[in-house]
């Protein structure tokens, strides 16, 4: 039987700190399992936000994802993770991914940067440092030269490390070395199924069971009493992300190249806010979950039937975000759990 490993919310660094802290406090009181913090370049730092959340909450887990090997040295990432784990009293999860926006804005090309190998190196180095080992590492991309380095503090328990990304090689790395994999915005049920296949291939190569690996996804979820209100609330974020997500994600959702390229051109000419009005209902339904609490629950189960274990409601969308958060906790989650038992 398919079951939830977590029912979580997520925010980008584009949101004001005060808004995130306010919603995080409400989310903890409502029983959400985890708050994921996406590091959107170049907005608010996810690690700084995590420190604020760790100090203002007491029980909800805090996920960092994604941190990029191109913006943080692995020894620094390990220092930050260990410190945040101490502040949060053992509530931290960390996820590493290449972060396409970080790569492009820092002048890196995928063919030169080799993101899958960089992520694998990052996970191996950080995991070794967090285990209290003096670490010397000769990776293909990242290196810790002799005589090596070691942390002067050690987490009270093992910090889960996830791998985030979209393409085949990164998903396979997740299956090989990750405690979990986290998928990016606008994943469709078909893409989740594709991701599980790639994770399985990676897990098999490392002689692991894919069943032992968590699978989370940032899902654009918008909820309201009226479906039309939920759809309208989701359009600006969908408009923002369509030009940014990888082609494999859009292909899996069934969007044609012609439609995607036409929309990208509209964003360039009009800006994403005005271009949002051009998104039709079919496109929106392929890229996000928008509707009444009952409709949202049914769609989440559709993702889970394809292998998703932890849905992350990204940005908590709807005409009223605080109402949407309550609806997700008190109406959507219970309905998802009932539907999964059938």
C-alpha atoms as a PDB file:
ATOM      1  CA  UNK A   1       0.000   0.000   0.000  1.00  0.00           C
ATOM      2  CA  UNK A   2       1.258   3.481  -0.903  1.00  0.00           C
ATOM      3  CA  UNK A   3       1.749   5.680   2.150  1.00  0.00           C
ATOM      4  CA  UNK A   4       2.924   9.169   3.005  1.00  0.00           C
ATOM      5  CA  UNK A   5       6.426   9.575   4.408  1.00  0.00           C
ATOM      6  CA  UNK A   6       5.592  13.226   4.941  1.00  0.00           C
ATOM      7  CA  UNK A   7       3.153  15.970   4.049  1.00  0.00           C
ATOM      8  CA  UNK A   8       5.166  19.149   3.760  1.00  0.00           C
ATOM      9  CA  UNK A   9       5.265  22.748   2.599  1.00  0.00           C
ATOM     10  CA  UNK A  10       8.004  24.631   0.774  1.00  0.00           C
ATOM     11  CA  UNK A  11       9.051  28.214   0.139  1.00  0.00           C
ATOM     12  CA  UNK A  12      11.496  30.007  -2.109  1.00  0.00           C
ATOM     13  CA  UNK A  13      13.787  32.805  -1.049  1.00  0.00           C
ATOM     14  CA  UNK A  14      11.611  35.193  -3.021  1.00  0.00           C
ATOM     15  CA  UNK A  15       9.171  35.417  -0.100  1.00  0.00           C
ATOM     16  CA  UNK A  16       9.689  37.945   2.738  1.00  0.00           C
ATOM     17  CA  UNK A  17      11.218  36.389   5.846  1.00  0.00           C
ATOM     18  CA  UNK A  18       8.326  37.598   8.021  1.00  0.00           C
ATOM     19  CA  UNK A  19       5.789  35.836   5.755  1.00  0.00           C
ATOM     20  CA  UNK A  20       7.721  32.560   5.857  1.00  0.00           C
ATOM     21  CA  UNK A  21       8.102  32.663   9.643  1.00  0.00           C
ATOM     22  CA  UNK A  22       4.403  33.401  10.065  1.00  0.00           C
ATOM     23  CA  UNK A  23       3.285  30.538   7.817  1.00  0.00           C
ATOM     24  CA  UNK A  24       5.884  28.197   9.313  1.00  0.00           C
ATOM     25  CA  UNK A  25       4.511  28.777  12.805  1.00  0.00           C
ATOM     26  CA  UNK A  26       1.011  28.037  11.556  1.00  0.00           C
ATOM     27  CA  UNK A  27       2.248  24.937   9.686  1.00  0.00           C
ATOM     28  CA  UNK A  28       3.857  23.543  12.819  1.00  0.00           C
ATOM     29  CA  UNK A  29       0.645  24.039  14.794  1.00  0.00           C
ATOM     30  CA  UNK A  30      -1.305  22.310  12.026  1.00  0.00           C
ATOM     31  CA  UNK A  31       0.909  19.227  12.076  1.00  0.00           C
ATOM     32  CA  UNK A  32       2.872  19.494   8.827  1.00  0.00           C
ATOM     33  CA  UNK A  33       5.932  17.255   8.812  1.00  0.00           C
ATOM     34  CA  UNK A  34       8.540  19.453   7.201  1.00  0.00           C
ATOM     35  CA  UNK A  35       9.285  22.909   5.805  1.00  0.00           C
ATOM     36  CA  UNK A  36      11.517  22.838   2.725  1.00  0.00           C
ATOM     37  CA  UNK A  37      13.464  25.959   1.793  1.00  0.00           C
ATOM     38  CA  UNK A  38      14.431  26.322  -1.849  1.00  0.00           C
ATOM     39  CA  UNK A  39      17.409  28.566  -2.497  1.00  0.00           C
ATOM     40  CA  UNK A  40      16.331  30.822  -5.362  1.00  0.00           C
ATOM     41  CA  UNK A  41      19.235  32.715  -6.887  1.00  0.00           C
ATOM     42  CA  UNK A  42      19.882  35.461  -5.979  1.00  0.00           C
ATOM     43  CA  UNK A  43      17.286  36.031  -3.286  1.00  0.00           C
ATOM     44  CA  UNK A  44      17.273  35.158   0.421  1.00  0.00           C
ATOM     45  CA  UNK A  45      19.747  32.569   1.686  1.00  0.00           C
ATOM     46  CA  UNK A  46      18.145  29.209   2.501  1.00  0.00           C
ATOM     47  CA  UNK A  47      20.620  28.558   5.308  1.00  0.00           C
ATOM     48  CA  UNK A  48      19.860  31.899   6.942  1.00  0.00           C
ATOM     49  CA  UNK A  49      16.137  31.235   6.659  1.00  0.00           C
ATOM     50  CA  UNK A  50      16.671  27.780   8.145  1.00  0.00           C
ATOM     51  CA  UNK A  51      18.448  29.306  11.158  1.00  0.00           C
ATOM     52  CA  UNK A  52      15.510  31.647  11.715  1.00  0.00           C
ATOM     53  CA  UNK A  53      13.033  28.773  11.430  1.00  0.00           C
ATOM     54  CA  UNK A  54      15.071  26.523  13.695  1.00  0.00           C
ATOM     55  CA  UNK A  55      14.970  29.222  16.380  1.00  0.00           C
ATOM     56  CA  UNK A  56      11.263  29.992  16.015  1.00  0.00           C
ATOM     57  CA  UNK A  57       9.853  26.431  15.813  1.00  0.00           C
ATOM     58  CA  UNK A  58      10.229  23.397  18.049  1.00  0.00           C
ATOM     59  CA  UNK A  59       9.059  20.238  16.315  1.00  0.00           C
ATOM     60  CA  UNK A  60       8.640  20.545  12.550  1.00  0.00           C
ATOM     61  CA  UNK A  61      11.543  19.307  10.419  1.00  0.00           C
ATOM     62  CA  UNK A  62      13.485  21.777   8.278  1.00  0.00           C
ATOM     63  CA  UNK A  63      14.671  20.837   4.802  1.00  0.00           C
ATOM     64  CA  UNK A  64      17.380  22.688   2.880  1.00  0.00           C
ATOM     65  CA  UNK A  65      16.925  22.131  -0.784  1.00  0.00           C
ATOM     66  CA  UNK A  66      18.578  22.658  -2.972  1.00  0.00           C
ATOM     67  CA  UNK A  67      22.095  23.729  -2.038  1.00  0.00           C
ATOM     68  CA  UNK A  68      24.449  23.881  -5.010  1.00  0.00           C
ATOM     69  CA  UNK A  69      28.023  22.557  -5.224  1.00  0.00           C
ATOM     70  CA  UNK A  70      28.741  25.535  -7.477  1.00  0.00           C
ATOM     71  CA  UNK A  71      27.928  28.131  -4.810  1.00  0.00           C
ATOM     72  CA  UNK A  72      29.127  26.362  -1.658  1.00  0.00           C
ATOM     73  CA  UNK A  73      32.310  24.496  -0.933  1.00  0.00           C
ATOM     74  CA  UNK A  74      31.403  21.085   0.538  1.00  0.00           C
ATOM     75  CA  UNK A  75      33.295  21.824   3.758  1.00  0.00           C
ATOM     76  CA  UNK A  76      31.252  25.018   4.191  1.00  0.00           C
ATOM     77  CA  UNK A  77      28.031  23.124   3.456  1.00  0.00           C
ATOM     78  CA  UNK A  78      28.953  20.549   6.111  1.00  0.00           C
ATOM     79  CA  UNK A  79      29.698  23.327   8.634  1.00  0.00           C
ATOM     80  CA  UNK A  80      26.341  24.961   7.950  1.00  0.00           C
ATOM     81  CA  UNK A  81      24.453  21.669   8.123  1.00  0.00           C
ATOM     82  CA  UNK A  82      26.043  20.677  11.424  1.00  0.00           C
ATOM     83  CA  UNK A  83      25.387  24.111  12.919  1.00  0.00           C
ATOM     84  CA  UNK A  84      21.759  24.182  11.762  1.00  0.00           C
ATOM     85  CA  UNK A  85      21.222  20.671  13.064  1.00  0.00           C
ATOM     86  CA  UNK A  86      22.463  21.848  16.467  1.00  0.00           C
ATOM     87  CA  UNK A  87      20.191  24.922  16.439  1.00  0.00           C
ATOM     88  CA  UNK A  88      17.185  22.820  15.405  1.00  0.00           C
ATOM     89  CA  UNK A  89      17.995  20.005  17.847  1.00  0.00           C
ATOM     90  CA  UNK A  90      18.239  17.322  15.181  1.00  0.00           C
ATOM     91  CA  UNK A  91      15.446  18.426  12.825  1.00  0.00           C
ATOM     92  CA  UNK A  92      17.482  19.072   9.660  1.00  0.00           C
ATOM     93  CA  UNK A  93      17.342  17.466   6.217  1.00  0.00           C
ATOM     94  CA  UNK A  94      19.675  18.721   3.492  1.00  0.00           C
ATOM     95  CA  UNK A  95      19.429  18.297  -0.279  1.00  0.00           C
ATOM     96  CA  UNK A  96      22.051  19.036  -2.903  1.00  0.00           C
ATOM     97  CA  UNK A  97      21.423  19.868  -6.542  1.00  0.00           C
ATOM     98  CA  UNK A  98      23.140  21.752  -9.334  1.00  0.00           C
ATOM     99  CA  UNK A  99      20.591  24.605  -9.396  1.00  0.00           C
ATOM    100  CA  UNK A 100      20.318  25.523 -13.060  1.00  0.00           C
ATOM    101  CA  UNK A 101      19.852  29.230 -12.304  1.00  0.00           C
ATOM    102  CA  UNK A 102      23.022  29.278 -10.204  1.00  0.00           C
ATOM    103  CA  UNK A 103      24.970  27.598 -13.005  1.00  0.00           C
ATOM    104  CA  UNK A 104      23.763  29.908 -15.761  1.00  0.00           C
ATOM    105  CA  UNK A 105      24.198  33.091 -13.755  1.00  0.00           C
ATOM    106  CA  UNK A 106      27.709  32.055 -12.729  1.00  0.00           C
ATOM    107  CA  UNK A 107      28.743  31.380 -16.316  1.00  0.00           C
ATOM    108  CA  UNK A 108      28.731  27.572 -16.127  1.00  0.00           C
ATOM    109  CA  UNK A 109      27.621  25.293 -18.954  1.00  0.00           C
ATOM    110  CA  UNK A 110      26.134  21.876 -18.200  1.00  0.00           C
ATOM    111  CA  UNK A 111      28.531  20.076 -20.534  1.00  0.00           C
ATOM    112  CA  UNK A 112      31.516  21.585 -18.702  1.00  0.00           C
ATOM    113  CA  UNK A 113      30.131  21.559 -15.156  1.00  0.00           C
ATOM    114  CA  UNK A 114      29.104  17.853 -15.096  1.00  0.00           C
ATOM    115  CA  UNK A 115      26.366  18.398 -12.475  1.00  0.00           C
ATOM    116  CA  UNK A 116      25.638  14.730 -11.744  1.00  0.00           C
ATOM    117  CA  UNK A 117      29.255  14.064 -10.774  1.00  0.00           C
ATOM    118  CA  UNK A 118      29.513  17.345  -8.839  1.00  0.00           C
ATOM    119  CA  UNK A 119      26.425  16.410  -6.802  1.00  0.00           C
ATOM    120  CA  UNK A 120      27.769  12.910  -6.117  1.00  0.00           C
ATOM    121  CA  UNK A 121      31.079  14.398  -4.940  1.00  0.00           C
ATOM    122  CA  UNK A 122      29.213  16.897  -2.744  1.00  0.00           C
ATOM    123  CA  UNK A 123      27.119  14.199  -1.065  1.00  0.00           C
ATOM    124  CA  UNK A 124      30.126  11.953  -0.432  1.00  0.00           C
ATOM    125  CA  UNK A 125      32.261  14.727   1.047  1.00  0.00           C
ATOM    126  CA  UNK A 126      29.528  16.242   3.218  1.00  0.00           C
ATOM    127  CA  UNK A 127      28.397  12.852   4.492  1.00  0.00           C
ATOM    128  CA  UNK A 128      31.963  11.953   5.462  1.00  0.00           C
ATOM    129  CA  UNK A 129      32.504  15.258   7.275  1.00  0.00           C
ATOM    130  CA  UNK A 130      29.194  15.017   9.121  1.00  0.00           C
ATOM    131  CA  UNK A 131      30.147  11.517  10.257  1.00  0.00           C
ATOM    132  CA  UNK A 132      33.105  13.056  12.084  1.00  0.00           C
ATOM    133  CA  UNK A 133      35.764  11.738   9.712  1.00  0.00           C
ATOM    134  CA  UNK A 134      38.877  13.581   8.640  1.00  0.00           C
ATOM    135  CA  UNK A 135      38.167  13.749   4.946  1.00  0.00           C
ATOM    136  CA  UNK A 136      40.538  13.609   1.981  1.00  0.00           C
ATOM    137  CA  UNK A 137      38.693  13.295  -1.330  1.00  0.00           C
ATOM    138  CA  UNK A 138      39.698  13.136  -4.971  1.00  0.00           C
ATOM    139  CA  UNK A 139      36.502  13.473  -6.975  1.00  0.00           C
ATOM    140  CA  UNK A 140      36.162  14.182 -10.663  1.00  0.00           C
ATOM    141  CA  UNK A 141      34.780  17.655  -9.916  1.00  0.00           C
ATOM    142  CA  UNK A 142      35.201  18.399  -6.206  1.00  0.00           C
ATOM    143  CA  UNK A 143      38.326  17.714  -4.189  1.00  0.00           C
ATOM    144  CA  UNK A 144      39.576  17.952  -0.622  1.00  0.00           C
ATOM    145  CA  UNK A 145      43.383  17.852  -0.933  1.00  0.00           C
ATOM    146  CA  UNK A 146      45.760  16.182   1.538  1.00  0.00           C
ATOM    147  CA  UNK A 147      46.032  16.214   4.472  1.00  0.00           C
ATOM    148  CA  UNK A 148      42.218  16.577   4.486  1.00  0.00           C
ATOM    149  CA  UNK A 149      39.836  18.413   6.802  1.00  0.00           C
ATOM    150  CA  UNK A 150      37.506  17.516   9.640  1.00  0.00           C
ATOM    151  CA  UNK A 151      34.685  19.247  11.470  1.00  0.00           C
ATOM    152  CA  UNK A 152      35.176  20.285  15.065  1.00  0.00           C
ATOM    153  CA  UNK A 153      31.547  19.449  15.820  1.00  0.00           C
ATOM    154  CA  UNK A 154      29.468  16.392  15.025  1.00  0.00           C
ATOM    155  CA  UNK A 155      25.671  16.163  14.686  1.00  0.00           C
ATOM    156  CA  UNK A 156      23.843  14.304  17.435  1.00  0.00           C
ATOM    157  CA  UNK A 157      22.475  11.925  14.823  1.00  0.00           C
ATOM    158  CA  UNK A 158      22.770  11.219  11.107  1.00  0.00           C
ATOM    159  CA  UNK A 159      21.448  14.058   8.923  1.00  0.00           C
ATOM    160  CA  UNK A 160      19.439  12.761   5.926  1.00  0.00           C
ATOM    161  CA  UNK A 161      20.965  13.875   2.624  1.00  0.00           C
ATOM    162  CA  UNK A 162      18.800  14.081  -0.488  1.00  0.00           C
ATOM    163  CA  UNK A 163      19.690  14.619  -4.137  1.00  0.00           C
ATOM    164  CA  UNK A 164      17.641  17.050  -6.203  1.00  0.00           C
ATOM    165  CA  UNK A 165      17.388  17.490  -9.929  1.00  0.00           C
ATOM    166  CA  UNK A 166      15.569  16.616 -13.105  1.00  0.00           C
ATOM    167  CA  UNK A 167      17.715  14.830 -15.680  1.00  0.00           C
ATOM    168  CA  UNK A 168      18.461  11.134 -15.924  1.00  0.00           C
ATOM    169  CA  UNK A 169      22.038  11.237 -14.634  1.00  0.00           C
ATOM    170  CA  UNK A 170      21.172  13.252 -11.518  1.00  0.00           C
ATOM    171  CA  UNK A 171      18.195  11.025 -10.699  1.00  0.00           C
ATOM    172  CA  UNK A 172      20.443   7.982 -11.000  1.00  0.00           C
ATOM    173  CA  UNK A 173      22.943   9.593  -8.640  1.00  0.00           C
ATOM    174  CA  UNK A 174      20.051  10.036  -6.213  1.00  0.00           C
ATOM    175  CA  UNK A 175      19.339   6.335  -6.456  1.00  0.00           C
ATOM    176  CA  UNK A 176      23.000   5.541  -5.852  1.00  0.00           C
ATOM    177  CA  UNK A 177      23.881   7.813  -2.914  1.00  0.00           C
ATOM    178  CA  UNK A 178      20.805   9.697  -1.646  1.00  0.00           C
ATOM    179  CA  UNK A 179      18.701   9.039   1.421  1.00  0.00           C
ATOM    180  CA  UNK A 180      16.016  10.596  -0.742  1.00  0.00           C
ATOM    181  CA  UNK A 181      15.415  12.398  -4.021  1.00  0.00           C
ATOM    182  CA  UNK A 182      13.585  15.688  -4.353  1.00  0.00           C
ATOM    183  CA  UNK A 183      11.969  16.666  -7.654  1.00  0.00           C
ATOM    184  CA  UNK A 184      11.642  20.226  -8.873  1.00  0.00           C
ATOM    185  CA  UNK A 185       8.572  22.361  -9.515  1.00  0.00           C
ATOM    186  CA  UNK A 186       5.957  21.360 -12.069  1.00  0.00           C
ATOM    187  CA  UNK A 187       6.543  17.629 -11.963  1.00  0.00           C
ATOM    188  CA  UNK A 188       3.633  15.682 -13.437  1.00  0.00           C
ATOM    189  CA  UNK A 189       2.549  12.152 -12.431  1.00  0.00           C
ATOM    190  CA  UNK A 190       4.212  10.900 -15.626  1.00  0.00           C
ATOM    191  CA  UNK A 191       7.448  12.609 -14.691  1.00  0.00           C
ATOM    192  CA  UNK A 192       7.328  11.083 -11.192  1.00  0.00           C
ATOM    193  CA  UNK A 193       7.041   7.656 -12.826  1.00  0.00           C
ATOM    194  CA  UNK A 194      10.023   8.474 -15.059  1.00  0.00           C
ATOM    195  CA  UNK A 195      12.032   9.625 -12.030  1.00  0.00           C
ATOM    196  CA  UNK A 196      11.329   6.401 -10.141  1.00  0.00           C
ATOM    197  CA  UNK A 197      12.625   4.422 -13.118  1.00  0.00           C
ATOM    198  CA  UNK A 198      15.870   6.387 -13.204  1.00  0.00           C
ATOM    199  CA  UNK A 199      16.269   6.166  -9.415  1.00  0.00           C
ATOM    200  CA  UNK A 200      15.747   2.399  -9.624  1.00  0.00           C
ATOM    201  CA  UNK A 201      18.522   2.098 -12.209  1.00  0.00           C
ATOM    202  CA  UNK A 202      20.891   4.048  -9.964  1.00  0.00           C
ATOM    203  CA  UNK A 203      19.929   2.068  -6.873  1.00  0.00           C
ATOM    204  CA  UNK A 204      20.517  -1.215  -8.692  1.00  0.00           C
ATOM    205  CA  UNK A 205      23.994  -0.066  -9.721  1.00  0.00           C
ATOM    206  CA  UNK A 206      24.803   0.644  -6.058  1.00  0.00           C
ATOM    207  CA  UNK A 207      23.172  -2.617  -4.896  1.00  0.00           C
ATOM    208  CA  UNK A 208      20.439  -0.748  -3.032  1.00  0.00           C
ATOM    209  CA  UNK A 209      16.660  -1.077  -2.948  1.00  0.00           C
ATOM    210  CA  UNK A 210      14.795   1.896  -4.389  1.00  0.00           C
ATOM    211  CA  UNK A 211      12.106   1.252  -1.768  1.00  0.00           C
ATOM    212  CA  UNK A 212      14.520   2.500   0.906  1.00  0.00           C
ATOM    213  CA  UNK A 213      14.874   5.888  -0.825  1.00  0.00           C
ATOM    214  CA  UNK A 214      12.383   8.654  -0.094  1.00  0.00           C
ATOM    215  CA  UNK A 215      10.904  10.559  -3.035  1.00  0.00           C
ATOM    216  CA  UNK A 216       9.682  14.107  -2.445  1.00  0.00           C
ATOM    217  CA  UNK A 217       8.588  16.751  -4.925  1.00  0.00           C
ATOM    218  CA  UNK A 218       7.956  20.461  -4.880  1.00  0.00           C
ATOM    219  CA  UNK A 219       4.392  20.621  -6.207  1.00  0.00           C
ATOM    220  CA  UNK A 220       2.672  23.845  -7.159  1.00  0.00           C
ATOM    221  CA  UNK A 221      -0.521  23.337  -5.163  1.00  0.00           C
ATOM    222  CA  UNK A 222      -3.261  25.960  -5.100  1.00  0.00           C
ATOM    223  CA  UNK A 223      -6.427  25.357  -3.114  1.00  0.00           C
ATOM    224  CA  UNK A 224      -9.663  27.325  -2.752  1.00  0.00           C
ATOM    225  CA  UNK A 225     -13.358  26.672  -2.328  1.00  0.00           C
ATOM    226  CA  UNK A 226     -13.842  27.515  -6.014  1.00  0.00           C
ATOM    227  CA  UNK A 227     -11.658  25.818  -8.621  1.00  0.00           C
ATOM    228  CA  UNK A 228     -11.419  28.982 -10.736  1.00  0.00           C
ATOM    229  CA  UNK A 229     -10.006  30.968  -7.830  1.00  0.00           C
ATOM    230  CA  UNK A 230      -7.381  28.292  -7.223  1.00  0.00           C
ATOM    231  CA  UNK A 231      -6.414  28.249 -10.909  1.00  0.00           C
ATOM    232  CA  UNK A 232      -6.031  32.025 -11.085  1.00  0.00           C
ATOM    233  CA  UNK A 233      -3.860  32.055  -7.961  1.00  0.00           C
ATOM    234  CA  UNK A 234      -1.480  29.482  -9.489  1.00  0.00           C
ATOM    235  CA  UNK A 235      -0.954  31.133 -12.880  1.00  0.00           C
ATOM    236  CA  UNK A 236       1.761  33.685 -11.941  1.00  0.00           C
ATOM    237  CA  UNK A 237       4.029  31.033 -10.416  1.00  0.00           C
ATOM    238  CA  UNK A 238       3.533  28.681 -13.362  1.00  0.00           C
ATOM    239  CA  UNK A 239       4.366  31.561 -15.694  1.00  0.00           C
ATOM    240  CA  UNK A 240       7.543  32.239 -13.713  1.00  0.00           C
ATOM    241  CA  UNK A 241       8.745  28.644 -13.913  1.00  0.00           C
ATOM    242  CA  UNK A 242       7.878  27.488 -17.451  1.00  0.00           C
ATOM    243  CA  UNK A 243      10.938  29.202 -19.001  1.00  0.00           C
ATOM    244  CA  UNK A 244      13.187  27.832 -16.252  1.00  0.00           C
ATOM    245  CA  UNK A 245      12.418  24.117 -15.850  1.00  0.00           C
ATOM    246  CA  UNK A 246      14.182  21.429 -17.844  1.00  0.00           C
ATOM    247  CA  UNK A 247      12.718  20.119 -21.080  1.00  0.00           C
ATOM    248  CA  UNK A 248      12.310  16.559 -19.761  1.00  0.00           C
ATOM    249  CA  UNK A 249       9.856  17.825 -17.123  1.00  0.00           C
ATOM    250  CA  UNK A 250       7.721  19.676 -19.683  1.00  0.00           C
ATOM    251  CA  UNK A 251       7.902  16.795 -22.152  1.00  0.00           C
ATOM    252  CA  UNK A 252       6.691  14.377 -19.492  1.00  0.00           C
ATOM    253  CA  UNK A 253       3.730  16.666 -18.848  1.00  0.00           C
ATOM    254  CA  UNK A 254       2.776  16.374 -22.524  1.00  0.00           C
ATOM    255  CA  UNK A 255       3.482  19.975 -23.537  1.00  0.00           C
ATOM    256  CA  UNK A 256       4.560  20.489 -27.129  1.00  0.00           C
ATOM    257  CA  UNK A 257       7.785  22.309 -27.966  1.00  0.00           C
ATOM    258  CA  UNK A 258       5.761  24.782 -30.010  1.00  0.00           C
ATOM    259  CA  UNK A 259       3.552  25.716 -27.066  1.00  0.00           C
ATOM    260  CA  UNK A 260       6.503  26.020 -24.669  1.00  0.00           C
ATOM    261  CA  UNK A 261       8.599  28.130 -27.031  1.00  0.00           C
ATOM    262  CA  UNK A 262       5.615  30.364 -27.757  1.00  0.00           C
ATOM    263  CA  UNK A 263       5.066  30.947 -24.077  1.00  0.00           C
ATOM    264  CA  UNK A 264       8.756  31.640 -23.424  1.00  0.00           C
ATOM    265  CA  UNK A 265       8.648  34.289 -26.125  1.00  0.00           C
ATOM    266  CA  UNK A 266       5.562  35.833 -24.516  1.00  0.00           C
ATOM    267  CA  UNK A 267       7.362  36.005 -21.165  1.00  0.00           C
ATOM    268  CA  UNK A 268      10.328  37.738 -22.803  1.00  0.00           C
ATOM    269  CA  UNK A 269       8.075  40.283 -24.492  1.00  0.00           C
ATOM    270  CA  UNK A 270       5.456  40.861 -21.793  1.00  0.00           C
ATOM    271  CA  UNK A 271       6.999  39.746 -18.522  1.00  0.00           C
ATOM    272  CA  UNK A 272       5.840  36.693 -16.575  1.00  0.00           C
ATOM    273  CA  UNK A 273       2.968  38.447 -14.745  1.00  0.00           C
ATOM    274  CA  UNK A 274       1.183  39.558 -17.940  1.00  0.00           C
ATOM    275  CA  UNK A 275       2.073  36.326 -19.753  1.00  0.00           C
ATOM    276  CA  UNK A 276       0.323  34.407 -16.959  1.00  0.00           C
ATOM    277  CA  UNK A 277      -3.017  35.390 -18.500  1.00  0.00           C
ATOM    278  CA  UNK A 278      -2.108  33.335 -21.579  1.00  0.00           C
ATOM    279  CA  UNK A 279      -1.934  30.042 -19.668  1.00  0.00           C
ATOM    280  CA  UNK A 280      -4.926  27.873 -20.538  1.00  0.00           C
ATOM    281  CA  UNK A 281      -6.526  25.440 -18.096  1.00  0.00           C
ATOM    282  CA  UNK A 282      -5.129  22.362 -19.854  1.00  0.00           C
ATOM    283  CA  UNK A 283      -1.537  23.610 -19.552  1.00  0.00           C
ATOM    284  CA  UNK A 284      -2.056  24.549 -15.934  1.00  0.00           C
ATOM    285  CA  UNK A 285      -3.560  21.164 -15.048  1.00  0.00           C
ATOM    286  CA  UNK A 286      -0.516  19.444 -16.552  1.00  0.00           C
ATOM    287  CA  UNK A 287       1.945  21.456 -14.465  1.00  0.00           C
ATOM    288  CA  UNK A 288       0.294  21.963 -11.096  1.00  0.00           C
ATOM    289  CA  UNK A 289      -2.477  20.911  -8.730  1.00  0.00           C
ATOM    290  CA  UNK A 290      -5.214  23.520  -8.478  1.00  0.00           C
ATOM    291  CA  UNK A 291      -8.765  23.161  -7.288  1.00  0.00           C
ATOM    292  CA  UNK A 292     -11.016  22.522  -4.323  1.00  0.00           C
ATOM    293  CA  UNK A 293      -9.706  20.494  -1.364  1.00  0.00           C
ATOM    294  CA  UNK A 294     -11.410  17.378  -2.761  1.00  0.00           C
ATOM    295  CA  UNK A 295      -9.859  17.874  -6.221  1.00  0.00           C
ATOM    296  CA  UNK A 296      -6.416  18.569  -4.765  1.00  0.00           C
ATOM    297  CA  UNK A 297      -6.527  15.393  -2.654  1.00  0.00           C
ATOM    298  CA  UNK A 298      -7.448  13.248  -5.662  1.00  0.00           C
ATOM    299  CA  UNK A 299      -4.633  14.736  -7.749  1.00  0.00           C
ATOM    300  CA  UNK A 300      -2.047  14.202  -5.016  1.00  0.00           C
ATOM    301  CA  UNK A 301      -3.035  10.534  -4.855  1.00  0.00           C
ATOM    302  CA  UNK A 302      -2.451  10.377  -8.608  1.00  0.00           C
ATOM    303  CA  UNK A 303       1.144  11.455  -8.021  1.00  0.00           C
ATOM    304  CA  UNK A 304       1.582   8.972  -5.207  1.00  0.00           C
ATOM    305  CA  UNK A 305       0.272   6.084  -7.267  1.00  0.00           C
ATOM    306  CA  UNK A 306       3.242   6.758  -9.556  1.00  0.00           C
ATOM    307  CA  UNK A 307       5.785   6.614  -6.726  1.00  0.00           C
ATOM    308  CA  UNK A 308       5.745   9.941  -4.885  1.00  0.00           C
ATOM    309  CA  UNK A 309       6.093   9.596  -1.096  1.00  0.00           C
ATOM    310  CA  UNK A 310       6.322  13.179   0.192  1.00  0.00           C
ATOM    311  CA  UNK A 311       4.274  15.932  -1.504  1.00  0.00           C
ATOM    312  CA  UNK A 312       5.585  19.440  -0.801  1.00  0.00           C
ATOM    313  CA  UNK A 313       3.010  22.213  -1.265  1.00  0.00           C
ATOM    314  CA  UNK A 314       5.231  24.869  -2.794  1.00  0.00           C
ATOM    315  CA  UNK A 315       4.512  28.482  -1.763  1.00  0.00           C
ATOM    316  CA  UNK A 316       1.080  27.467  -0.326  1.00  0.00           C
ATOM    317  CA  UNK A 317      -1.002  29.067  -3.058  1.00  0.00           C
ATOM    318  CA  UNK A 318      -4.589  30.214  -3.103  1.00  0.00           C
ATOM    319  CA  UNK A 319      -6.547  33.459  -2.784  1.00  0.00           C
ATOM    320  CA  UNK A 320      -5.929  33.251   0.971  1.00  0.00           C
ATOM    321  CA  UNK A 321      -2.649  31.522   1.877  1.00  0.00           C
ATOM    322  CA  UNK A 322      -3.475  31.054   5.570  1.00  0.00           C
ATOM    323  CA  UNK A 323      -6.829  29.522   4.688  1.00  0.00           C
ATOM    324  CA  UNK A 324      -5.079  27.336   2.083  1.00  0.00           C
ATOM    325  CA  UNK A 325      -2.624  26.085   4.700  1.00  0.00           C
ATOM    326  CA  UNK A 326      -5.490  25.109   7.022  1.00  0.00           C
ATOM    327  CA  UNK A 327      -7.336  23.441   4.163  1.00  0.00           C
ATOM    328  CA  UNK A 328      -4.272  21.388   3.228  1.00  0.00           C
ATOM    329  CA  UNK A 329      -3.829  20.182   6.809  1.00  0.00           C
ATOM    330  CA  UNK A 330      -7.445  19.689   7.864  1.00  0.00           C
ATOM    331  CA  UNK A 331      -9.148  18.669   4.625  1.00  0.00           C
ATOM    332  CA  UNK A 332      -6.660  17.621   1.942  1.00  0.00           C
ATOM    333  CA  UNK A 333      -4.314  15.460   4.006  1.00  0.00           C
ATOM    334  CA  UNK A 334      -7.075  13.435   5.711  1.00  0.00           C
ATOM    335  CA  UNK A 335      -8.724  12.831   2.336  1.00  0.00           C
ATOM    336  CA  UNK A 336      -5.400  11.727   0.817  1.00  0.00           C
ATOM    337  CA  UNK A 337      -4.895   9.240   3.646  1.00  0.00           C
ATOM    338  CA  UNK A 338      -8.413   7.856   3.202  1.00  0.00           C
ATOM    339  CA  UNK A 339      -7.968   7.498  -0.566  1.00  0.00           C
ATOM    340  CA  UNK A 340      -4.613   5.732  -0.109  1.00  0.00           C
ATOM    341  CA  UNK A 341      -6.225   3.104   2.132  1.00  0.00           C
ATOM    342  CA  UNK A 342      -8.737   2.103  -0.509  1.00  0.00           C
END
